[in-house]
Protein backbone atom coordinates (compact mmCIF):
# COMPACT_ATOMS: atom_id res chain seq x y z
CA MET A 1 -2.85 -21.23 297.53
CA GLY A 2 -6.07 -23.04 298.28
CA ARG A 3 -7.03 -22.27 301.87
CA LEU A 4 -10.76 -22.61 301.15
CA SER A 5 -12.64 -25.74 300.22
CA ALA A 6 -15.86 -26.08 298.23
CA THR A 7 -17.62 -27.30 301.38
CA SER A 8 -16.47 -24.36 303.49
CA VAL A 9 -17.60 -21.93 300.78
CA LYS A 10 -21.13 -23.35 300.86
CA ALA A 11 -21.21 -23.40 304.65
CA THR A 12 -19.94 -19.85 305.25
CA LYS A 13 -22.71 -17.64 306.58
CA GLU A 14 -20.86 -14.91 308.54
CA PRO A 15 -20.46 -11.63 306.59
CA GLY A 16 -16.87 -10.78 305.72
CA ARG A 17 -13.97 -11.51 303.38
CA TYR A 18 -12.31 -14.90 303.36
CA GLY A 19 -8.99 -15.30 301.56
CA ASP A 20 -8.12 -18.32 299.44
CA GLY A 21 -4.62 -17.07 298.63
CA ASP A 22 -2.97 -15.16 295.77
CA GLY A 23 -5.49 -12.31 296.01
CA LEU A 24 -8.65 -14.44 295.62
CA TYR A 25 -11.34 -13.59 298.18
CA LEU A 26 -14.80 -14.87 298.98
CA VAL A 27 -16.96 -11.89 299.94
CA VAL A 28 -19.94 -12.99 301.97
CA SER A 29 -22.74 -11.45 300.35
CA LYS A 30 -21.44 -14.50 298.40
CA SER A 31 -19.31 -13.30 295.52
CA TRP A 32 -15.76 -13.93 294.31
CA VAL A 33 -13.32 -11.01 294.12
CA CYS A 34 -9.75 -11.01 292.84
CA ARG A 35 -7.56 -8.27 294.30
CA VAL A 36 -4.78 -7.16 291.97
CA GLN A 37 -2.17 -4.42 292.21
CA LYS A 38 -0.26 -2.81 289.37
CA ASN A 39 1.89 0.32 289.46
CA GLY A 40 0.87 1.02 293.05
CA LYS A 41 -2.86 0.93 292.27
CA ARG A 42 -4.98 -1.72 293.95
CA ARG A 43 -8.21 -2.93 292.39
CA ASP A 44 -10.83 -5.50 293.26
CA ILE A 45 -12.27 -7.29 290.22
CA GLY A 46 -15.47 -9.30 290.53
CA LEU A 47 -15.36 -12.88 289.27
CA GLY A 48 -19.01 -13.85 289.76
CA SER A 49 -21.52 -15.08 292.26
CA VAL A 50 -20.74 -18.07 294.46
CA LYS A 51 -24.04 -19.62 293.36
CA LYS A 52 -22.97 -19.59 289.70
CA VAL A 53 -19.16 -19.89 289.94
CA PRO A 54 -17.64 -22.85 291.83
CA LEU A 55 -14.34 -22.52 293.69
CA ALA A 56 -12.28 -24.24 290.97
CA LEU A 57 -13.58 -21.91 288.26
CA ALA A 58 -13.05 -18.86 290.50
CA ARG A 59 -9.40 -19.91 290.90
CA GLU A 60 -9.02 -20.25 287.12
CA ARG A 61 -10.59 -16.84 286.54
CA ALA A 62 -8.34 -15.28 289.19
CA VAL A 63 -5.24 -16.67 287.45
CA LYS A 64 -6.47 -15.37 284.09
CA THR A 65 -7.24 -11.95 285.59
CA ARG A 66 -3.78 -11.68 287.20
CA MET A 67 -2.11 -12.66 283.92
CA GLN A 68 -4.07 -9.99 282.00
CA VAL A 69 -3.13 -7.33 284.55
CA GLU A 70 0.56 -8.32 284.39
CA VAL A 71 0.56 -7.94 280.60
CA GLY A 72 -1.13 -4.54 280.89
CA ILE A 73 -4.65 -5.50 279.81
CA ASP A 74 -7.61 -4.19 281.81
CA PRO A 75 -9.82 -7.25 282.42
CA VAL A 76 -12.93 -5.17 283.14
CA SER A 77 -12.74 -3.21 279.87
CA GLU A 78 -12.07 -6.46 277.97
CA ARG A 79 -15.20 -7.95 279.52
CA ARG A 80 -17.21 -4.90 278.48
CA LYS A 81 -15.89 -5.10 274.90
CA GLU A 82 -16.94 -8.75 274.69
CA ALA A 83 -20.41 -7.85 275.94
CA GLY A 84 -20.69 -5.08 273.34
CA ILE A 85 -20.91 -2.24 275.85
CA PRO A 86 -19.50 0.93 274.25
CA THR A 87 -17.03 3.23 275.98
CA PHE A 88 -18.24 6.67 276.99
CA ARG A 89 -16.47 8.24 274.03
CA GLU A 90 -18.11 5.82 271.59
CA ALA A 91 -21.55 6.44 273.12
CA VAL A 92 -21.13 10.21 272.86
CA THR A 93 -20.17 9.93 269.19
CA LEU A 94 -23.22 7.78 268.46
CA VAL A 95 -25.66 10.08 270.25
CA PHE A 96 -24.16 13.15 268.58
CA ALA A 97 -24.46 11.59 265.12
CA GLU A 98 -28.09 10.55 265.76
CA ASN A 99 -29.20 13.97 267.03
CA LYS A 100 -27.12 16.24 264.79
CA ALA A 101 -29.83 16.51 262.12
CA SER A 102 -32.46 17.67 264.62
CA TRP A 103 -30.42 20.72 265.71
CA LYS A 104 -31.51 23.65 263.57
CA ASN A 105 -29.13 26.24 264.94
CA GLN A 106 -25.52 26.15 263.61
CA LYS A 107 -24.26 27.27 267.02
CA HIS A 108 -25.80 24.24 268.71
CA ARG A 109 -24.28 21.88 266.12
CA ALA A 110 -20.85 23.39 266.70
CA GLN A 111 -21.13 22.96 270.46
């Protein structure tokens, strides 16, 4: 692990993907991506912008992400929960409860 250096990250201008090892990639549009695979499904998980996330922190986040995937936790849904973003099912339930009183027809309420 550790094929990239902080200096090379700052100096990279050519568009493309540059591997650091263990599934950590620098995507030039300048963002960090961790590629993980579980049960035959491959997924790229964003770790942040290069401007805000230094190489050392990106490596730490990649390790944490891989550990979560190994245990069976979806890192993206965990991040959304922490941010307070509801799932689609939760959002539907909220909208239904808010609008239920405005529906005058019993048929529409049942639908």
